[in-house]
Amino acid sequence: MSLACGLPLLECVYCLGCARWAWKRCVHSGHHDSATWGHAAAADFAPVPRMCRLVMANYAPPDLLAAPPLLLDPACVVRRRTYADTGGRVTPYLVYLDHAHADIVLALRGLNLGRESDYALLLDNRLGKRRFDGGYVHNGLLRAAGWVLDRECDLLRDLLDRYPEYTLTFTGHSLGAGVAAMLTMVVVLNLDKLGKVERGRTRCYAMAPARCMSLNLAVRYADVINSVVLQDDFLPRTATPLEDIFKSILCLPCLLCLRCLKDTCIPEDAMLKDPRRLYAPGRIYHIVERKSFRCGRYPPVVKTAVPVDGRFEHVVLSCNATMDHAIVWIEREGQRALDLMLEKERAMAAPSNQRMERDETAVPREHVEEHKVALRRAATLSVSGMASIYGTFDDGPRPERSESFPPPASSRQQPRVSWNDLIEQVFDKDEDGQIVLRSPSPS
């Protein structure tokens, strides 16, 4: 009798729980993720549409680079690699010398759904497989970054020597965005390999990136790595291993719904303290153009922050979740947002010299302070890896090298070191054959 009475009660509790989850997930919109963030400045966001066009140049034949919407100078394409050149080890990319903006750019294209090698690159990973610089990263993306640097290190070093005032920028979309983030991390840890280039001259713009690094790395490298996410894009929000996504590509909506249910039931504190959980890298720029219970697109607004908790933890159940991942839409809406920001600044009628002074002083200072706050927040939450030398919050310069890396070369005449070998030198194996981080030497 008691069992018969208990079953309806259990069913009611179950139905109420499912209804609460469904309501919570269905009313969650992409703009909620950045509701508390600040607005991005026009000068800070200005490179994003340009980087999108450089990524899109990998899809266009050389004779169309100068045509709209790319508007690039074909003579400034220093090197271009296709699938035939990379042998499937990485997506196609190009090196572009942007004289107008004093920038050397390496741009990688995104995933090609018709290429098995791209899937193999994404599937070369499992949770906690690869440790790097005190955190965890995607194994396949890190290996691809090492391959690119092996081929292009000499070219990049020569360009940096020839143009000492130019910056070095890595950019990419989707799969290429993850490789670009790995490239930036490896280069920052080995600045001497590119001719003593300073950390401040190196940066990354990752468009719609996959979650490719642990939280401590995402926060620590937020001063050089920037991620751009358009509204409801599913990939930066999907913590599901990429292997599971592409095995279930024919039922991706079902997989995303199951992932939403699982993430809803996991406490956020448990997510943050899992050192193997991967995240979108660096500082986040979120382009917001839709809100709950409103139809159509609205004038886009760009929010930015270095988030610790709430870093795109939940997938948005939206019919635009896949369309917002397209590089064409990111470039289009990013340019619209930039035009609106510039128009707003002109409407404020501030003298040009005051705007220039703010762009050169106030914005970088605000970003530095925000980065320090994010580091303190990560240390407060006991995020793995933040209690090391990277967790210091004084005003002194942060270390640019990992203690576990080999000492810098004293001259360019020393034997050339393979970047893949250099990456592998960071790791040892324990008695069970598992990869562990090498401890720094006592000296």
Protein backbone atom coordinates (compact mmCIF):
# COMPACT_ATOMS: atom_id res chain seq x y z
CA MET A 1 0.00 0.00 0.00
CA SER A 2 2.79 2.39 0.93
CA LEU A 3 4.63 1.51 -2.27
CA ALA A 4 1.54 2.25 -4.35
CA CYS A 5 1.22 5.66 -2.68
CA GLY A 6 4.90 6.40 -3.05
CA LEU A 7 5.10 5.86 -6.80
CA PRO A 8 2.73 8.72 -7.76
CA LEU A 9 4.59 11.03 -5.38
CA LEU A 10 7.92 10.05 -6.95
CA GLU A 11 6.52 10.62 -10.42
CA CYS A 12 5.28 14.08 -9.40
CA VAL A 13 8.71 15.01 -8.02
CA TYR A 14 10.35 13.74 -11.20
CA CYS A 15 7.95 15.69 -13.43
CA LEU A 16 8.43 18.86 -11.39
CA GLY A 17 12.21 18.46 -11.64
CA CYS A 18 12.05 18.01 -15.42
CA ALA A 19 9.71 20.97 -15.77
CA ARG A 20 12.05 23.17 -13.71
CA TRP A 21 15.01 22.11 -15.83
CA ALA A 22 13.12 22.70 -19.09
CA TRP A 23 12.01 26.16 -17.96
CA LYS A 24 15.51 27.06 -16.78
CA ARG A 25 17.12 25.92 -20.02
CA CYS A 26 14.52 27.31 -22.43
CA VAL A 27 14.53 30.81 -20.94
CA HIS A 28 18.33 30.92 -20.84
CA SER A 29 19.50 33.08 -23.73
CA GLY A 30 22.98 33.84 -24.97
CA HIS A 31 22.87 37.42 -23.66
CA HIS A 32 22.54 36.13 -20.09
CA ASP A 33 26.14 34.87 -20.16
CA SER A 34 27.55 38.40 -20.45
CA ALA A 35 24.81 40.41 -18.74
CA THR A 36 27.16 41.66 -16.00
CA TRP A 37 30.14 42.35 -18.29
CA GLY A 38 31.33 45.78 -19.37
CA HIS A 39 31.10 47.21 -22.88
CA ALA A 40 34.11 46.90 -25.17
CA ALA A 41 35.84 50.01 -26.51
CA ALA A 42 35.98 50.62 -30.25
CA ALA A 43 39.78 50.80 -30.36
CA ASP A 44 40.02 47.54 -28.42
CA PHE A 45 37.58 45.64 -30.67
CA ALA A 46 38.73 47.19 -33.96
CA PRO A 47 41.08 44.35 -35.07
CA VAL A 48 38.34 41.69 -34.89
CA PRO A 49 36.57 42.25 -38.27
CA ARG A 50 39.96 42.58 -39.95
CA MET A 51 41.10 39.28 -38.46
CA CYS A 52 37.89 37.63 -39.64
CA ARG A 53 38.61 38.75 -43.20
CA LEU A 54 42.14 37.35 -42.99
CA VAL A 55 40.74 34.00 -41.87
CA MET A 56 38.23 34.10 -44.73
CA ALA A 57 41.11 34.69 -47.16
CA ASN A 58 42.03 31.02 -46.70
CA TYR A 59 38.78 30.10 -48.46
CA ALA A 60 39.22 32.47 -51.42
CA PRO A 61 41.42 31.93 -54.52
CA PRO A 62 44.37 34.34 -54.81
CA ASP A 63 42.76 36.39 -57.60
CA LEU A 64 39.78 37.29 -55.37
CA LEU A 65 41.70 38.52 -52.33
CA ALA A 66 41.44 42.16 -53.43
CA ALA A 67 37.70 41.95 -54.08
CA PRO A 68 35.01 42.73 -51.47
CA PRO A 69 34.55 41.75 -48.73
CA LEU A 70 38.21 40.77 -48.18
CA LEU A 71 39.92 43.85 -49.69
CA LEU A 72 43.41 42.45 -49.10
CA ASP A 73 46.62 43.10 -50.99
CA PRO A 74 47.71 39.82 -52.66
CA ALA A 75 51.32 41.06 -52.69
CA CYS A 76 51.30 41.09 -48.87
CA VAL A 77 50.53 37.35 -48.61
CA VAL A 78 53.99 36.18 -47.64
CA ARG A 79 53.14 32.49 -47.48
CA ARG A 80 50.07 30.36 -48.08
CA ARG A 81 49.67 26.71 -47.09
CA THR A 82 46.96 24.42 -48.45
CA TYR A 83 45.90 20.93 -47.43
CA ALA A 84 48.44 19.57 -49.91
CA ASP A 85 51.19 21.44 -48.03
CA THR A 86 50.09 20.58 -44.50
CA GLY A 87 49.37 16.92 -45.19
CA GLY A 88 46.35 17.05 -42.88
CA ARG A 89 48.41 17.96 -39.81
CA VAL A 90 46.66 21.32 -39.54
CA THR A 91 44.08 23.31 -41.47
CA PRO A 92 45.28 25.64 -44.27
CA TYR A 93 46.74 28.95 -43.19
CA LEU A 94 48.49 32.03 -44.53
CA VAL A 95 51.02 34.60 -43.31
CA TYR A 96 49.99 38.18 -44.14
CA LEU A 97 52.08 41.33 -43.79
CA ASP A 98 49.63 44.09 -42.87
CA HIS A 99 51.60 47.31 -43.37
CA ALA A 100 48.58 49.54 -42.78
CA HIS A 101 48.26 48.26 -39.21
CA ALA A 102 51.93 47.36 -38.57
CA ASP A 103 51.00 43.74 -38.02
CA ILE A 104 52.35 40.30 -38.99
CA VAL A 105 49.37 37.90 -39.03
CA LEU A 106 49.23 34.11 -39.19
CA ALA A 107 45.59 33.18 -39.95
CA LEU A 108 44.17 29.63 -39.90
CA ARG A 109 40.89 28.52 -41.43
CA GLY A 110 38.27 26.50 -39.58
CA LEU A 111 37.10 22.90 -39.74
CA ASN A 112 36.42 21.43 -43.17
CA LEU A 113 33.51 19.00 -42.82
CA GLY A 114 34.74 17.09 -45.87
CA ARG A 115 38.25 16.40 -44.52
CA GLU A 116 38.91 13.34 -42.39
CA SER A 117 42.22 14.80 -41.25
CA ASP A 118 40.41 17.68 -39.50
CA TYR A 119 38.25 15.22 -37.58
CA ALA A 120 41.35 13.21 -36.66
CA LEU A 121 42.94 16.38 -35.30
CA LEU A 122 39.92 17.10 -33.12
CA LEU A 123 39.63 13.51 -31.91
CA ASP A 124 43.28 13.42 -30.80
CA ASN A 125 42.40 14.18 -27.21
CA ARG A 126 40.82 12.84 -24.07
CA LEU A 127 40.06 14.44 -20.74
CA GLY A 128 43.31 15.17 -18.89
CA LYS A 129 45.53 13.65 -21.59
CA ARG A 130 47.91 16.58 -22.07
CA ARG A 131 49.34 18.79 -19.34
CA PHE A 132 51.01 22.03 -20.37
CA ASP A 133 52.50 24.86 -18.32
CA GLY A 134 50.73 23.80 -15.13
CA GLY A 135 47.34 23.19 -16.76
CA TYR A 136 45.60 21.03 -19.33
CA VAL A 137 45.23 21.62 -23.07
CA HIS A 138 43.83 19.84 -26.11
CA ASN A 139 46.49 17.38 -27.28
CA GLY A 140 45.76 17.47 -31.02
CA LEU A 141 45.64 21.27 -31.19
CA LEU A 142 48.93 21.56 -29.33
CA ARG A 143 50.62 19.12 -31.72
CA ALA A 144 49.26 21.08 -34.69
CA ALA A 145 50.69 24.28 -33.21
CA GLY A 146 54.10 22.64 -32.89
CA TRP A 147 53.97 21.56 -36.54
CA VAL A 148 53.12 25.10 -37.72
CA LEU A 149 55.92 26.64 -35.69
CA ASP A 150 58.41 24.11 -37.03
CA ARG A 151 57.59 25.24 -40.57
CA GLU A 152 57.15 28.98 -40.03
CA CYS A 153 59.52 29.84 -37.18
CA ASP A 154 62.32 31.09 -39.46
CA LEU A 155 59.93 33.18 -41.56
CA LEU A 156 58.29 34.79 -38.51
CA ARG A 157 61.66 35.54 -36.94
CA ASP A 158 62.94 37.17 -40.13
CA LEU A 159 59.79 39.30 -40.46
CA LEU A 160 60.01 40.41 -36.83
CA ASP A 161 63.67 41.34 -37.32
CA ARG A 162 62.88 43.22 -40.53
CA TYR A 163 59.94 45.10 -38.96
CA PRO A 164 60.84 45.63 -35.29
CA GLU A 165 57.81 47.87 -34.67
CA TYR A 166 55.25 45.36 -35.97
CA THR A 167 53.12 43.14 -33.74
CA LEU A 168 52.79 39.37 -34.19
CA THR A 169 49.18 38.16 -34.30
CA PHE A 170 47.79 34.62 -34.46
CA THR A 171 44.16 34.24 -35.47
CA GLY A 172 41.82 31.48 -36.57
CA HIS A 173 38.25 30.25 -36.61
CA SER A 174 36.76 27.21 -34.85
CA LEU A 175 39.42 24.47 -35.12
CA GLY A 176 41.94 27.06 -36.35
CA ALA A 177 41.12 29.27 -33.35
CA GLY A 178 42.21 26.52 -30.98
CA VAL A 179 45.47 26.08 -32.89
CA ALA A 180 46.03 29.86 -32.82
CA ALA A 181 45.59 29.90 -29.04
CA MET A 182 48.10 27.06 -28.66
CA LEU A 183 50.53 28.88 -30.96
CA THR A 184 50.34 31.97 -28.77
CA MET A 185 50.98 30.05 -25.56
CA VAL A 186 53.99 28.20 -26.95
CA VAL A 187 55.48 31.36 -28.47
CA VAL A 188 55.01 33.37 -25.26
CA LEU A 189 56.81 30.64 -23.31
CA ASN A 190 59.70 30.67 -25.82
CA LEU A 191 60.03 34.29 -26.91
CA ASP A 192 63.77 33.91 -27.44
CA LYS A 193 63.15 31.45 -30.29
CA LEU A 194 61.68 34.29 -32.36
CA GLY A 195 64.50 36.72 -31.78
CA LYS A 196 63.77 38.15 -28.33
CA VAL A 197 60.33 39.46 -29.30
CA GLU A 198 58.54 40.99 -26.32
CA ARG A 199 55.36 39.53 -24.86
CA GLY A 200 53.52 42.79 -25.54
CA ARG A 201 54.09 42.37 -29.30
CA THR A 202 52.32 38.99 -29.34
CA ARG A 203 48.54 38.52 -29.35
CA CYS A 204 45.81 36.15 -30.48
CA TYR A 205 42.24 36.55 -31.73
CA ALA A 206 40.34 33.25 -31.58
CA MET A 207 37.01 33.37 -33.45
CA ALA A 208 34.38 30.94 -32.12
CA PRO A 209 37.06 28.76 -30.49
CA ALA A 210 36.69 25.24 -29.21
CA ARG A 211 37.24 24.79 -25.48
CA CYS A 212 40.94 24.00 -25.58
CA MET A 213 42.61 24.91 -22.25
CA SER A 214 41.98 24.60 -18.53
CA LEU A 215 40.64 27.52 -16.54
CA ASN A 216 43.94 28.52 -14.94
CA LEU A 217 45.58 28.82 -18.37
CA ALA A 218 42.58 30.66 -19.84
CA VAL A 219 42.83 33.29 -17.10
CA ARG A 220 46.63 33.54 -17.01
CA TYR A 221 46.95 34.17 -20.75
CA ALA A 222 44.04 36.63 -20.96
CA ASP A 223 46.48 39.49 -21.54
CA VAL A 224 47.54 38.05 -24.92
CA ILE A 225 44.66 35.77 -26.02
CA ASN A 226 41.22 37.11 -26.99
CA SER A 227 38.20 34.95 -27.86
CA VAL A 228 35.30 36.28 -29.92
CA VAL A 229 31.88 34.62 -29.55
CA LEU A 230 28.73 35.56 -31.47
CA GLN A 231 25.54 35.38 -29.39
CA ASP A 232 24.46 31.70 -29.05
CA ASP A 233 27.44 29.91 -30.66
CA PHE A 234 27.42 26.34 -29.36
CA LEU A 235 31.12 25.38 -29.66
CA PRO A 236 32.67 27.67 -26.98
CA ARG A 237 29.88 26.53 -24.62
CA THR A 238 30.13 22.79 -25.24
CA ALA A 239 32.25 21.09 -22.60
CA THR A 240 31.41 17.71 -24.09
CA PRO A 241 34.57 16.05 -25.43
CA LEU A 242 34.83 16.83 -29.13
CA GLU A 243 35.15 13.12 -29.81
CA ASP A 244 31.60 12.56 -28.55
CA ILE A 245 30.27 15.49 -30.60
CA PHE A 246 31.59 14.23 -33.91
CA LYS A 247 30.67 10.63 -33.20
CA SER A 248 27.11 11.90 -32.70
CA ILE A 249 27.08 14.46 -35.50
CA LEU A 250 23.86 12.98 -36.94
CA CYS A 251 22.11 13.55 -33.62
CA LEU A 252 23.82 16.71 -32.45
CA PRO A 253 20.61 18.34 -31.07
CA CYS A 254 19.99 15.29 -28.88
CA LEU A 255 23.56 15.38 -27.61
CA LEU A 256 23.34 19.09 -26.80
CA CYS A 257 20.09 18.58 -24.90
CA LEU A 258 21.64 15.76 -22.86
CA ARG A 259 24.64 17.98 -22.18
CA CYS A 260 22.34 20.76 -20.98
CA LEU A 261 20.67 18.34 -18.55
CA LYS A 262 24.00 17.13 -17.19
CA ASP A 263 25.47 20.62 -16.79
CA THR A 264 22.34 21.80 -15.01
CA CYS A 265 22.77 19.09 -12.40
CA ILE A 266 26.50 19.69 -11.78
CA PRO A 267 27.26 22.40 -9.18
CA GLU A 268 29.29 25.25 -10.65
CA ASP A 269 31.86 24.99 -7.86
CA ALA A 270 32.58 21.41 -8.90
CA MET A 271 33.07 22.54 -12.52
CA LEU A 272 35.53 25.25 -11.52
CA LYS A 273 37.62 22.97 -9.33
CA ASP A 274 37.98 20.25 -11.98
CA PRO A 275 41.50 20.98 -13.33
CA ARG A 276 40.93 18.90 -16.47
CA ARG A 277 37.82 20.76 -17.65
CA LEU A 278 38.61 22.83 -20.75
CA TYR A 279 37.38 26.34 -21.51
CA ALA A 280 37.36 28.99 -24.21
CA PRO A 281 40.74 30.77 -23.96
CA GLY A 282 41.67 34.21 -22.69
CA ARG A 283 39.61 37.40 -22.60
CA ILE A 284 36.11 37.00 -24.04
CA TYR A 285 34.39 39.38 -26.45
CA HIS A 286 30.70 38.50 -26.68
CA ILE A 287 28.71 40.00 -29.57
CA VAL A 288 25.09 40.24 -28.37
CA GLU A 289 22.30 40.94 -30.84
CA ARG A 290 19.26 38.98 -29.56
CA LYS A 291 17.43 38.88 -26.24
CA SER A 292 14.79 36.66 -24.68
CA PHE A 293 11.24 36.89 -26.00
CA ARG A 294 12.27 39.27 -28.80
CA CYS A 295 12.17 38.44 -32.49
CA GLY A 296 14.94 39.18 -34.98
CA ARG A 297 18.37 40.70 -34.63
CA TYR A 298 18.97 44.00 -32.90
CA PRO A 299 21.93 46.40 -33.23
CA PRO A 300 24.86 44.33 -31.93
CA VAL A 301 26.58 45.23 -28.68
CA VAL A 302 29.99 43.89 -27.66
CA LYS A 303 30.54 42.88 -24.02
CA THR A 304 33.98 41.95 -22.71
CA ALA A 305 35.47 40.46 -19.55
CA VAL A 306 38.00 37.98 -18.22
CA PRO A 307 35.41 35.70 -16.60
CA VAL A 308 36.31 33.00 -14.11
CA ASP A 309 32.98 31.58 -12.97
CA GLY A 310 30.28 31.69 -15.62
CA ARG A 311 32.65 31.35 -18.60
CA PHE A 312 30.02 30.08 -21.07
CA GLU A 313 29.21 27.07 -18.90
CA HIS A 314 25.82 26.19 -20.41
CA VAL A 315 24.76 25.42 -23.96
CA VAL A 316 22.01 27.72 -25.26
CA LEU A 317 19.04 25.89 -26.78
CA SER A 318 18.64 28.14 -29.81
CA CYS A 319 17.93 27.66 -33.50
CA ASN A 320 20.84 30.05 -34.13
CA ALA A 321 23.41 28.05 -32.13
CA THR A 322 25.06 26.67 -35.26
CA MET A 323 24.54 29.68 -37.55
CA ASP A 324 26.26 31.95 -35.02
CA HIS A 325 29.36 29.78 -35.42
CA ALA A 326 29.90 30.83 -39.05
CA ILE A 327 32.90 33.10 -39.69
CA VAL A 328 30.85 35.08 -42.24
CA TRP A 329 28.30 36.05 -39.59
CA ILE A 330 31.00 36.85 -37.03
CA GLU A 331 32.70 39.21 -39.49
CA ARG A 332 29.43 40.84 -40.54
CA GLU A 333 28.06 41.40 -37.05
CA GLY A 334 31.48 42.34 -35.68
CA GLN A 335 31.81 45.05 -38.33
CA ARG A 336 28.29 46.31 -37.57
CA ALA A 337 29.09 46.48 -33.87
CA LEU A 338 32.34 48.33 -34.56
CA ASP A 339 30.59 50.85 -36.83
CA LEU A 340 27.99 51.51 -34.12
CA MET A 341 30.70 52.03 -31.50
CA LEU A 342 32.54 54.49 -33.74
CA GLU A 343 29.31 56.32 -34.53
CA LYS A 344 28.51 56.59 -30.83
CA GLU A 345 31.95 58.01 -30.12
CA ARG A 346 31.52 60.59 -32.89
CA ALA A 347 28.10 61.53 -31.52
CA MET A 348 29.65 62.24 -28.13
CA ALA A 349 31.74 64.91 -29.90
CA ALA A 350 34.83 64.28 -27.80
CA PRO A 351 38.00 65.91 -29.14
CA SER A 352 40.08 63.49 -31.17
CA ASN A 353 43.14 64.00 -28.98
CA GLN A 354 41.15 63.02 -25.88
CA ARG A 355 39.86 59.87 -27.58
CA MET A 356 43.40 58.97 -28.64
CA GLU A 357 44.68 59.52 -25.10
CA ARG A 358 42.01 57.23 -23.71
CA ASP A 359 42.71 54.56 -26.31
CA GLU A 360 46.42 54.58 -25.45
CA THR A 361 46.18 54.79 -21.65
CA ALA A 362 42.79 54.14 -20.07
CA VAL A 363 41.75 51.02 -21.99
CA PRO A 364 45.02 49.08 -21.46
CA ARG A 365 45.03 50.10 -17.80
CA GLU A 366 41.44 48.89 -17.35
CA HIS A 367 42.30 45.57 -18.96
CA VAL A 368 45.32 45.10 -16.70
CA GLU A 369 43.24 45.78 -13.59
CA GLU A 370 40.48 43.47 -14.81
CA HIS A 371 43.03 40.74 -15.46
CA LYS A 372 44.39 41.08 -11.91
CA VAL A 373 40.88 40.83 -10.49
CA ALA A 374 40.28 37.64 -12.50
CA LEU A 375 43.52 36.12 -11.20
CA ARG A 376 42.54 36.94 -7.61
CA ARG A 377 39.09 35.46 -8.19
CA ALA A 378 40.59 32.25 -9.56
CA ALA A 379 42.91 31.98 -6.54
CA THR A 380 39.98 32.59 -4.17
CA LEU A 381 38.02 29.76 -5.78
CA SER A 382 41.07 27.48 -5.43
CA VAL A 383 41.23 26.89 -9.15
CA SER A 384 43.97 24.33 -9.80
CA GLY A 385 47.27 25.87 -10.84
CA MET A 386 46.60 29.40 -9.55
CA ALA A 387 48.64 29.05 -6.35
CA SER A 388 51.91 28.91 -8.29
CA ILE A 389 54.16 31.77 -9.37
CA TYR A 390 51.43 32.75 -11.85
CA GLY A 391 49.05 33.53 -9.03
CA THR A 392 51.01 36.53 -7.73
CA PHE A 393 49.09 39.78 -7.85
CA ASP A 394 51.73 42.42 -7.26
CA ASP A 395 52.50 45.19 -9.73
CA GLY A 396 55.71 43.60 -10.92
CA PRO A 397 56.07 41.97 -14.32
CA ARG A 398 54.58 38.52 -14.70
CA PRO A 399 56.90 35.73 -15.77
CA GLU A 400 57.06 35.21 -19.49
CA ARG A 401 58.49 31.72 -19.38
CA SER A 402 57.60 28.53 -17.62
CA GLU A 403 60.18 27.21 -15.21
CA SER A 404 59.75 23.80 -16.74
CA PHE A 405 60.98 24.93 -20.14
CA PRO A 406 64.64 24.79 -21.17
CA PRO A 407 66.69 27.95 -20.58
CA PRO A 408 66.74 30.47 -23.44
CA ALA A 409 69.26 30.16 -26.19
CA SER A 410 72.16 32.60 -25.91
CA SER A 411 72.42 33.26 -29.62
CA ARG A 412 70.73 32.53 -32.92
CA GLN A 413 73.78 30.54 -34.03
CA GLN A 414 72.86 27.64 -31.74
CA PRO A 415 71.45 24.48 -33.38
CA ARG A 416 67.84 24.83 -34.42
CA VAL A 417 65.45 23.06 -32.04
CA SER A 418 62.27 21.39 -33.26
CA TRP A 419 59.21 23.00 -31.71
CA ASN A 420 57.56 19.62 -31.35
CA ASP A 421 60.63 18.36 -29.48
CA LEU A 422 60.59 21.53 -27.37
CA ILE A 423 56.97 20.90 -26.39
CA GLU A 424 57.70 17.27 -25.57
CA GLN A 425 60.56 18.31 -23.27
CA VAL A 426 57.98 19.71 -20.85
CA PHE A 427 56.67 16.23 -20.05
CA ASP A 428 57.86 13.10 -18.30
CA LYS A 429 56.10 9.79 -17.74
CA ASP A 430 55.45 8.21 -14.36
CA GLU A 431 55.77 4.52 -13.47
CA ASP A 432 52.38 3.77 -15.02
CA GLY A 433 53.37 5.42 -18.29
CA GLN A 434 51.11 8.43 -17.72
CA ILE A 435 52.30 11.86 -18.84
CA VAL A 436 53.05 14.20 -15.95
CA LEU A 437 54.46 17.71 -15.78
CA ARG A 438 58.23 17.82 -15.34
CA SER A 439 59.31 19.38 -12.08
CA PRO A 440 61.64 22.39 -12.32
CA SER A 441 65.26 21.71 -11.54
CA PRO A 442 66.60 22.87 -8.12
CA SER A 443 68.98 25.28 -9.85
